[in-house]
Amino acid sequence: MASIDSYLHLIGFELLVILAIVGYLVEADLPKRVVSRLFITVLGFMLAHFATHALPNQIADFIYSSHHDYHSIKSAGPHRT
């Protein structure tokens, strides 16, 4: 049985193909612009999703290092374990 993530990849790829075909077939400017923006939006989400698969630790390190609230407080006292 495939995971939900695999289904999302498949749906995203199919949506990109459908939008590309519709964008190619549409002649009017406004609908073509709407389809193009949808295509770019779906592509952006898929690329962001790919980045979370390819670089999960680097993304987490960036997020947690950029917010000082996530850093642990180091005490000036003796280090006890």
Foldseek 3Di string as FASTA:
>chain_A
DDDVVVVVVVVLVVLLVVLVVVLVVDDDDPVNVVSVVVNVVSVVVVVVVVCCVVPVPVVVCVVQVVDPVNDDDDDPDDDDD
